[in-house]
Amino acid sequence: MYRKAFLAASFVAFLLAFFLILSKTEEPARVPSEEEVVGHIRKFNASVSAIKSISCNVSSIGTKTEVVYIKPFRVLAVTSSFFGRKQAEVGTDGRDYWFWMRDFDKESIYHCPLSKISSTRVVLPMRPNLITSAFGVDEIMWESISIREGVACLTCSEDDLVKCVLFRDDKMTGVTHYRDGLPMMTATFKSHQKIDGFEIPKEVNVFWHEENASLDFEMKNVVINADEPPKIKMPNGMKKVSLIDF
């Protein structure tokens, strides 16, 4: 019995020594230089600049949202119940912005010039540029850049917000919008997928800091550069309410 115990203990000691030797001989992961990281970012920008339009479906609890983004500024997001009843619409044709919500005022559509949206009471989750940020298909613009251990943080101004993009291993991994130094919205790209040769996010988490609200979704039924993307225009037949005076 003692002989078996001795052999077992010797075998365990041998395994421990073996793994210790392996751990010591493993080389640390190479950290890319700043020049290499910037090169990856420029390559990423060249790729996504070829995306002229994208549409997809996003599902959450009890609802489904169809999103169309036609660069540079046209966006349409329509949310319906799983029974097909339209619940909300947010859109811009690049000139005007509008939204409609069944549970808020189903008889009226609220609108303003897109250039004036930051001066209205429109909540951040309904701003077109924050909607499209969550899809990670825009070119990365930056006024400043910091790189640490191969991870780049690139910041630029967007109206009354500051946008910070994280980039690592030739991918955009997340984006955060700040106001007055405080985080407002963070989109984290948890996984990616290849569609028609383009690598885009697949699983996304969006976190709204002030509301302490989080949403996980998957980009499905993705169509890139459709031959005839849908027309985006403000709906007719409803009372129009200016957000400038609201």
C-alpha atoms as a PDB file:
ATOM      1  CA  MET A   1       0.000   0.000   0.000  1.00  0.00           C
ATOM      2  CA  TYR A   2       2.825   2.361   0.906  1.00  0.00           C
ATOM      3  CA  ARG A   3       4.522   1.503  -2.370  1.00  0.00           C
ATOM      4  CA  LYS A   4       1.380   2.512  -4.325  1.00  0.00           C
ATOM      5  CA  ALA A   5       1.069   5.767  -2.368  1.00  0.00           C
ATOM      6  CA  PHE A   6       4.732   6.532  -3.012  1.00  0.00           C
ATOM      7  CA  LEU A   7       4.332   5.890  -6.732  1.00  0.00           C
ATOM      8  CA  ALA A   8       1.208   8.067  -6.894  1.00  0.00           C
ATOM      9  CA  ALA A   9       2.955  10.904  -5.069  1.00  0.00           C
ATOM     10  CA  SER A  10       5.971  10.622  -7.362  1.00  0.00           C
ATOM     11  CA  PHE A  11       3.747  10.730 -10.446  1.00  0.00           C
ATOM     12  CA  VAL A  12       1.972  13.889  -9.193  1.00  0.00           C
ATOM     13  CA  ALA A  13       5.329  15.518  -8.436  1.00  0.00           C
ATOM     14  CA  PHE A  14       6.522  14.646 -11.947  1.00  0.00           C
ATOM     15  CA  LEU A  15       3.429  16.240 -13.507  1.00  0.00           C
ATOM     16  CA  LEU A  16       3.845  19.407 -11.446  1.00  0.00           C
ATOM     17  CA  ALA A  17       7.494  19.691 -12.446  1.00  0.00           C
ATOM     18  CA  PHE A  18       6.597  19.089 -16.101  1.00  0.00           C
ATOM     19  CA  PHE A  19       3.984  21.850 -16.175  1.00  0.00           C
ATOM     20  CA  LEU A  20       6.284  24.242 -14.321  1.00  0.00           C
ATOM     21  CA  ILE A  21       8.932  23.692 -16.988  1.00  0.00           C
ATOM     22  CA  LEU A  22       6.362  24.318 -19.737  1.00  0.00           C
ATOM     23  CA  SER A  23       5.131  27.502 -18.107  1.00  0.00           C
ATOM     24  CA  LYS A  24       8.667  28.829 -17.851  1.00  0.00           C
ATOM     25  CA  THR A  25       9.474  28.089 -21.480  1.00  0.00           C
ATOM     26  CA  GLU A  26       6.308  29.716 -22.897  1.00  0.00           C
ATOM     27  CA  GLU A  27       7.088  33.067 -24.458  1.00  0.00           C
ATOM     28  CA  PRO A  28       4.870  36.009 -23.488  1.00  0.00           C
ATOM     29  CA  ALA A  29       2.442  37.178 -26.139  1.00  0.00           C
ATOM     30  CA  ARG A  30       3.988  39.771 -28.392  1.00  0.00           C
ATOM     31  CA  VAL A  31       2.584  43.280 -27.976  1.00  0.00           C
ATOM     32  CA  PRO A  32       2.252  45.066 -31.334  1.00  0.00           C
ATOM     33  CA  SER A  33       3.965  48.418 -31.753  1.00  0.00           C
ATOM     34  CA  GLU A  34       2.048  51.678 -32.021  1.00  0.00           C
ATOM     35  CA  GLU A  35       2.814  51.785 -35.743  1.00  0.00           C
ATOM     36  CA  GLU A  36       1.347  48.297 -36.198  1.00  0.00           C
ATOM     37  CA  VAL A  37      -1.810  49.200 -34.245  1.00  0.00           C
ATOM     38  CA  VAL A  38      -2.361  52.349 -36.308  1.00  0.00           C
ATOM     39  CA  GLY A  39      -1.771  50.279 -39.444  1.00  0.00           C
ATOM     40  CA  HIS A  40      -4.504  47.834 -38.331  1.00  0.00           C
ATOM     41  CA  ILE A  41      -6.867  50.763 -37.706  1.00  0.00           C
ATOM     42  CA  ARG A  42      -6.246  52.191 -41.166  1.00  0.00           C
ATOM     43  CA  LYS A  43      -6.832  48.753 -42.694  1.00  0.00           C
ATOM     44  CA  PHE A  44     -10.084  48.463 -40.710  1.00  0.00           C
ATOM     45  CA  ASN A  45     -11.196  51.893 -41.953  1.00  0.00           C
ATOM     46  CA  ALA A  46     -10.447  50.928 -45.543  1.00  0.00           C
ATOM     47  CA  SER A  47     -12.614  47.830 -45.143  1.00  0.00           C
ATOM     48  CA  VAL A  48     -15.670  49.415 -43.491  1.00  0.00           C
ATOM     49  CA  SER A  49     -15.545  52.384 -45.870  1.00  0.00           C
ATOM     50  CA  ALA A  50     -16.699  49.893 -48.534  1.00  0.00           C
ATOM     51  CA  ILE A  51     -19.879  49.281 -46.507  1.00  0.00           C
ATOM     52  CA  LYS A  52     -22.350  51.744 -48.007  1.00  0.00           C
ATOM     53  CA  SER A  53     -25.464  50.302 -46.396  1.00  0.00           C
ATOM     54  CA  ILE A  54     -26.364  47.651 -43.849  1.00  0.00           C
ATOM     55  CA  SER A  55     -29.623  46.272 -42.529  1.00  0.00           C
ATOM     56  CA  CYS A  56     -30.283  43.745 -39.789  1.00  0.00           C
ATOM     57  CA  ASN A  57     -32.782  42.478 -37.254  1.00  0.00           C
ATOM     58  CA  VAL A  58     -32.278  42.885 -33.521  1.00  0.00           C
ATOM     59  CA  SER A  59     -34.492  41.023 -31.050  1.00  0.00           C
ATOM     60  CA  SER A  60     -35.029  41.726 -27.375  1.00  0.00           C
ATOM     61  CA  ILE A  61     -37.629  40.664 -24.834  1.00  0.00           C
ATOM     62  CA  GLY A  62     -41.038  40.889 -26.515  1.00  0.00           C
ATOM     63  CA  THR A  63     -39.956  43.028 -29.474  1.00  0.00           C
ATOM     64  CA  LYS A  64     -38.081  42.928 -32.772  1.00  0.00           C
ATOM     65  CA  THR A  65     -36.305  45.903 -34.316  1.00  0.00           C
ATOM     66  CA  GLU A  66     -35.408  46.220 -37.976  1.00  0.00           C
ATOM     67  CA  VAL A  67     -32.569  48.654 -38.587  1.00  0.00           C
ATOM     68  CA  VAL A  68     -31.424  50.165 -41.878  1.00  0.00           C
ATOM     69  CA  TYR A  69     -28.289  52.311 -42.031  1.00  0.00           C
ATOM     70  CA  ILE A  70     -27.352  54.024 -45.297  1.00  0.00           C
ATOM     71  CA  LYS A  71     -24.130  55.933 -44.932  1.00  0.00           C
ATOM     72  CA  PRO A  72     -23.381  58.562 -44.071  1.00  0.00           C
ATOM     73  CA  PHE A  73     -26.444  59.823 -42.207  1.00  0.00           C
ATOM     74  CA  ARG A  74     -29.635  57.952 -43.147  1.00  0.00           C
ATOM     75  CA  VAL A  75     -31.016  55.668 -40.442  1.00  0.00           C
ATOM     76  CA  LEU A  76     -34.317  53.912 -39.827  1.00  0.00           C
ATOM     77  CA  ALA A  77     -35.130  51.753 -36.809  1.00  0.00           C
ATOM     78  CA  VAL A  78     -38.628  50.246 -36.571  1.00  0.00           C
ATOM     79  CA  THR A  79     -39.634  48.269 -33.484  1.00  0.00           C
ATOM     80  CA  SER A  80     -42.566  45.855 -33.564  1.00  0.00           C
ATOM     81  CA  SER A  81     -44.070  43.352 -31.182  1.00  0.00           C
ATOM     82  CA  PHE A  82     -43.571  39.687 -31.988  1.00  0.00           C
ATOM     83  CA  PHE A  83     -47.159  39.765 -33.225  1.00  0.00           C
ATOM     84  CA  GLY A  84     -46.139  42.303 -35.891  1.00  0.00           C
ATOM     85  CA  ARG A  85     -47.723  45.414 -34.365  1.00  0.00           C
ATOM     86  CA  LYS A  86     -45.567  48.492 -34.904  1.00  0.00           C
ATOM     87  CA  GLN A  87     -44.521  50.045 -31.595  1.00  0.00           C
ATOM     88  CA  ALA A  88     -41.956  52.721 -32.450  1.00  0.00           C
ATOM     89  CA  GLU A  89     -39.969  54.325 -35.236  1.00  0.00           C
ATOM     90  CA  VAL A  90     -36.818  56.431 -35.157  1.00  0.00           C
ATOM     91  CA  GLY A  91     -35.379  57.786 -38.377  1.00  0.00           C
ATOM     92  CA  THR A  92     -33.445  60.384 -40.280  1.00  0.00           C
ATOM     93  CA  ASP A  93     -33.118  61.010 -43.992  1.00  0.00           C
ATOM     94  CA  GLY A  94     -29.897  62.904 -43.388  1.00  0.00           C
ATOM     95  CA  ARG A  95     -31.695  66.217 -43.151  1.00  0.00           C
ATOM     96  CA  ASP A  96     -34.663  65.738 -40.799  1.00  0.00           C
ATOM     97  CA  TYR A  97     -34.926  63.591 -37.673  1.00  0.00           C
ATOM     98  CA  TRP A  98     -38.143  62.078 -36.374  1.00  0.00           C
ATOM     99  CA  PHE A  99     -39.599  59.585 -33.938  1.00  0.00           C
ATOM    100  CA  TRP A 100     -42.983  58.036 -33.306  1.00  0.00           C
ATOM    101  CA  MET A 101     -43.996  55.922 -30.304  1.00  0.00           C
ATOM    102  CA  ARG A 102     -47.328  54.159 -29.936  1.00  0.00           C
ATOM    103  CA  ASP A 103     -47.312  54.293 -26.139  1.00  0.00           C
ATOM    104  CA  PHE A 104     -46.239  57.954 -26.063  1.00  0.00           C
ATOM    105  CA  ASP A 105     -48.434  59.654 -28.654  1.00  0.00           C
ATOM    106  CA  LYS A 106     -49.650  57.407 -31.447  1.00  0.00           C
ATOM    107  CA  GLU A 107     -51.341  60.307 -33.260  1.00  0.00           C
ATOM    108  CA  SER A 108     -48.207  62.451 -33.687  1.00  0.00           C
ATOM    109  CA  ILE A 109     -44.725  62.304 -35.124  1.00  0.00           C
ATOM    110  CA  TYR A 110     -42.038  64.407 -33.468  1.00  0.00           C
ATOM    111  CA  HIS A 111     -39.338  65.926 -35.643  1.00  0.00           C
ATOM    112  CA  CYS A 112     -36.543  68.480 -35.982  1.00  0.00           C
ATOM    113  CA  PRO A 113     -33.576  69.193 -38.272  1.00  0.00           C
ATOM    114  CA  LEU A 114     -30.922  66.534 -37.686  1.00  0.00           C
ATOM    115  CA  SER A 115     -28.361  69.277 -37.033  1.00  0.00           C
ATOM    116  CA  LYS A 116     -30.451  70.557 -34.096  1.00  0.00           C
ATOM    117  CA  ILE A 117     -31.012  67.253 -32.313  1.00  0.00           C
ATOM    118  CA  SER A 118     -28.442  67.906 -29.562  1.00  0.00           C
ATOM    119  CA  SER A 119     -30.363  71.036 -28.516  1.00  0.00           C
ATOM    120  CA  THR A 120     -33.658  69.143 -28.037  1.00  0.00           C
ATOM    121  CA  ARG A 121     -34.949  66.874 -25.292  1.00  0.00           C
ATOM    122  CA  VAL A 122     -34.458  63.740 -27.398  1.00  0.00           C
ATOM    123  CA  VAL A 123     -32.992  61.095 -25.105  1.00  0.00           C
ATOM    124  CA  LEU A 124     -29.626  59.661 -26.088  1.00  0.00           C
ATOM    125  CA  PRO A 125     -30.850  56.105 -26.876  1.00  0.00           C
ATOM    126  CA  MET A 126     -32.952  57.603 -29.679  1.00  0.00           C
ATOM    127  CA  ARG A 127     -30.147  59.530 -31.377  1.00  0.00           C
ATOM    128  CA  PRO A 128     -29.228  58.063 -34.774  1.00  0.00           C
ATOM    129  CA  ASN A 129     -25.461  58.262 -34.244  1.00  0.00           C
ATOM    130  CA  LEU A 130     -25.726  56.287 -31.005  1.00  0.00           C
ATOM    131  CA  ILE A 131     -27.935  53.700 -32.672  1.00  0.00           C
ATOM    132  CA  THR A 132     -25.390  53.142 -35.440  1.00  0.00           C
ATOM    133  CA  SER A 133     -22.457  53.139 -32.982  1.00  0.00           C
ATOM    134  CA  ALA A 134     -23.799  49.866 -31.612  1.00  0.00           C
ATOM    135  CA  PHE A 135     -23.225  48.207 -35.009  1.00  0.00           C
ATOM    136  CA  GLY A 136     -19.511  48.980 -35.278  1.00  0.00           C
ATOM    137  CA  VAL A 137     -19.404  49.576 -39.036  1.00  0.00           C
ATOM    138  CA  ASP A 138     -18.282  53.204 -39.121  1.00  0.00           C
ATOM    139  CA  GLU A 139     -14.782  54.354 -39.898  1.00  0.00           C
ATOM    140  CA  ILE A 140     -12.841  55.274 -36.771  1.00  0.00           C
ATOM    141  CA  MET A 141     -12.135  58.991 -36.601  1.00  0.00           C
ATOM    142  CA  TRP A 142      -9.905  60.392 -33.909  1.00  0.00           C
ATOM    143  CA  GLU A 143      -8.595  63.655 -32.533  1.00  0.00           C
ATOM    144  CA  SER A 144      -6.416  61.875 -29.983  1.00  0.00           C
ATOM    145  CA  ILE A 145      -5.122  58.346 -29.572  1.00  0.00           C
ATOM    146  CA  SER A 146      -3.499  56.421 -26.746  1.00  0.00           C
ATOM    147  CA  ILE A 147      -2.109  52.922 -27.084  1.00  0.00           C
ATOM    148  CA  ARG A 148      -1.270  50.663 -24.166  1.00  0.00           C
ATOM    149  CA  GLU A 149      -0.263  47.033 -24.431  1.00  0.00           C
ATOM    150  CA  GLY A 150      -1.632  46.834 -27.956  1.00  0.00           C
ATOM    151  CA  VAL A 151      -5.041  48.315 -27.096  1.00  0.00           C
ATOM    152  CA  ALA A 152      -5.872  51.642 -28.747  1.00  0.00           C
ATOM    153  CA  CYS A 153      -8.294  54.201 -27.320  1.00  0.00           C
ATOM    154  CA  LEU A 154      -9.330  56.762 -29.942  1.00  0.00           C
ATOM    155  CA  THR A 155     -11.442  59.795 -29.081  1.00  0.00           C
ATOM    156  CA  CYS A 156     -13.267  62.432 -31.116  1.00  0.00           C
ATOM    157  CA  SER A 157     -16.075  64.938 -30.599  1.00  0.00           C
ATOM    158  CA  GLU A 158     -19.638  64.338 -31.798  1.00  0.00           C
ATOM    159  CA  ASP A 159     -21.885  67.349 -31.164  1.00  0.00           C
ATOM    160  CA  ASP A 160     -22.220  67.593 -27.360  1.00  0.00           C
ATOM    161  CA  LEU A 161     -20.615  64.174 -26.798  1.00  0.00           C
ATOM    162  CA  VAL A 162     -17.146  62.661 -26.895  1.00  0.00           C
ATOM    163  CA  LYS A 163     -16.816  59.274 -28.578  1.00  0.00           C
ATOM    164  CA  CYS A 164     -14.132  56.834 -27.442  1.00  0.00           C
ATOM    165  CA  VAL A 165     -13.437  53.710 -29.520  1.00  0.00           C
ATOM    166  CA  LEU A 166     -11.460  50.713 -28.282  1.00  0.00           C
ATOM    167  CA  PHE A 167      -9.513  48.771 -30.878  1.00  0.00           C
ATOM    168  CA  ARG A 168      -7.577  45.554 -30.319  1.00  0.00           C
ATOM    169  CA  ASP A 169      -6.228  42.708 -32.465  1.00  0.00           C
ATOM    170  CA  ASP A 170      -7.371  44.363 -35.722  1.00  0.00           C
ATOM    171  CA  LYS A 171     -10.971  44.683 -34.451  1.00  0.00           C
ATOM    172  CA  MET A 172     -13.154  47.383 -32.949  1.00  0.00           C
ATOM    173  CA  THR A 173     -14.049  45.932 -29.556  1.00  0.00           C
ATOM    174  CA  GLY A 174     -16.225  48.668 -28.093  1.00  0.00           C
ATOM    175  CA  VAL A 175     -17.315  52.287 -28.089  1.00  0.00           C
ATOM    176  CA  THR A 176     -18.324  54.660 -25.293  1.00  0.00           C
ATOM    177  CA  HIS A 177     -20.011  58.052 -25.574  1.00  0.00           C
ATOM    178  CA  TYR A 178     -19.259  60.615 -22.846  1.00  0.00           C
ATOM    179  CA  ARG A 179     -20.943  63.850 -21.838  1.00  0.00           C
ATOM    180  CA  ASP A 180     -19.110  66.281 -19.565  1.00  0.00           C
ATOM    181  CA  GLY A 181     -16.610  63.553 -18.746  1.00  0.00           C
ATOM    182  CA  LEU A 182     -19.245  61.032 -17.672  1.00  0.00           C
ATOM    183  CA  PRO A 183     -20.013  57.842 -19.641  1.00  0.00           C
ATOM    184  CA  MET A 184     -23.470  57.814 -21.192  1.00  0.00           C
ATOM    185  CA  MET A 185     -23.529  54.705 -23.399  1.00  0.00           C
ATOM    186  CA  THR A 186     -21.128  51.818 -23.926  1.00  0.00           C
ATOM    187  CA  ALA A 187     -21.422  49.234 -26.696  1.00  0.00           C
ATOM    188  CA  THR A 188     -19.233  46.156 -26.244  1.00  0.00           C
ATOM    189  CA  PHE A 189     -18.710  43.858 -29.213  1.00  0.00           C
ATOM    190  CA  LYS A 190     -18.547  40.420 -27.641  1.00  0.00           C
ATOM    191  CA  SER A 191     -18.100  38.446 -30.867  1.00  0.00           C
ATOM    192  CA  HIS A 192     -17.782  39.066 -34.593  1.00  0.00           C
ATOM    193  CA  GLN A 193     -19.071  37.476 -37.796  1.00  0.00           C
ATOM    194  CA  LYS A 194     -18.086  37.547 -41.465  1.00  0.00           C
ATOM    195  CA  ILE A 195     -20.728  38.701 -43.927  1.00  0.00           C
ATOM    196  CA  ASP A 196     -19.822  38.991 -47.618  1.00  0.00           C
ATOM    197  CA  GLY A 197     -16.162  39.296 -46.673  1.00  0.00           C
ATOM    198  CA  PHE A 198     -16.737  42.016 -44.060  1.00  0.00           C
ATOM    199  CA  GLU A 199     -16.017  41.294 -40.402  1.00  0.00           C
ATOM    200  CA  ILE A 200     -18.680  42.968 -38.284  1.00  0.00           C
ATOM    201  CA  PRO A 201     -20.010  42.542 -34.732  1.00  0.00           C
ATOM    202  CA  LYS A 202     -22.358  39.649 -34.016  1.00  0.00           C
ATOM    203  CA  GLU A 203     -23.129  39.688 -30.291  1.00  0.00           C
ATOM    204  CA  VAL A 204     -23.361  43.139 -28.727  1.00  0.00           C
ATOM    205  CA  ASN A 205     -23.985  44.454 -25.235  1.00  0.00           C
ATOM    206  CA  VAL A 206     -25.247  48.025 -24.872  1.00  0.00           C
ATOM    207  CA  PHE A 207     -25.118  49.630 -21.438  1.00  0.00           C
ATOM    208  CA  TRP A 208     -26.783  52.936 -20.594  1.00  0.00           C
ATOM    209  CA  HIS A 209     -24.911  54.301 -17.605  1.00  0.00           C
ATOM    210  CA  GLU A 210     -27.380  56.893 -16.264  1.00  0.00           C
ATOM    211  CA  GLU A 211     -30.289  54.476 -16.492  1.00  0.00           C
ATOM    212  CA  ASN A 212     -28.154  51.519 -15.289  1.00  0.00           C
ATOM    213  CA  ALA A 213     -29.794  49.531 -18.084  1.00  0.00           C
ATOM    214  CA  SER A 214     -28.198  46.807 -20.180  1.00  0.00           C
ATOM    215  CA  LEU A 215     -29.272  45.156 -23.420  1.00  0.00           C
ATOM    216  CA  ASP A 216     -27.748  42.122 -25.145  1.00  0.00           C
ATOM    217  CA  PHE A 217     -28.592  41.463 -28.760  1.00  0.00           C
ATOM    218  CA  GLU A 218     -27.376  39.599 -31.811  1.00  0.00           C
ATOM    219  CA  MET A 219     -27.216  41.096 -35.289  1.00  0.00           C
ATOM    220  CA  LYS A 220     -29.226  38.717 -37.494  1.00  0.00           C
ATOM    221  CA  ASN A 221     -30.375  38.635 -41.115  1.00  0.00           C
ATOM    222  CA  VAL A 222     -27.607  41.042 -42.018  1.00  0.00           C
ATOM    223  CA  VAL A 223     -27.595  42.459 -45.559  1.00  0.00           C
ATOM    224  CA  ILE A 224     -24.639  44.584 -46.645  1.00  0.00           C
ATOM    225  CA  ASN A 225     -24.690  46.859 -49.693  1.00  0.00           C
ATOM    226  CA  ALA A 226     -28.128  45.863 -50.916  1.00  0.00           C
ATOM    227  CA  ASP A 227     -28.735  46.551 -54.601  1.00  0.00           C
ATOM    228  CA  GLU A 228     -31.770  48.648 -53.705  1.00  0.00           C
ATOM    229  CA  PRO A 229     -31.739  49.672 -50.035  1.00  0.00           C
ATOM    230  CA  PRO A 230     -35.128  50.797 -48.726  1.00  0.00           C
ATOM    231  CA  LYS A 231     -36.164  54.419 -49.040  1.00  0.00           C
ATOM    232  CA  ILE A 232     -36.001  56.346 -45.782  1.00  0.00           C
ATOM    233  CA  LYS A 233     -38.490  59.171 -45.379  1.00  0.00           C
ATOM    234  CA  MET A 234     -40.669  60.663 -42.682  1.00  0.00           C
ATOM    235  CA  PRO A 235     -44.118  59.022 -42.486  1.00  0.00           C
ATOM    236  CA  ASN A 236     -47.103  61.014 -43.704  1.00  0.00           C
ATOM    237  CA  GLY A 237     -50.649  61.244 -42.392  1.00  0.00           C
ATOM    238  CA  MET A 238     -49.876  62.133 -38.769  1.00  0.00           C
ATOM    239  CA  LYS A 239     -49.795  65.347 -36.805  1.00  0.00           C
ATOM    240  CA  LYS A 240     -46.268  66.806 -36.813  1.00  0.00           C
ATOM    241  CA  VAL A 241     -44.828  68.238 -33.610  1.00  0.00           C
ATOM    242  CA  SER A 242     -41.586  70.217 -33.696  1.00  0.00           C
ATOM    243  CA  LEU A 243     -39.027  69.076 -31.119  1.00  0.00           C
ATOM    244  CA  ILE A 244     -37.515  72.564 -31.161  1.00  0.00           C
ATOM    245  CA  ASP A 245     -40.589  73.960 -29.369  1.00  0.00           C
ATOM    246  CA  PHE A 246     -41.348  70.812 -27.361  1.00  0.00           C
END
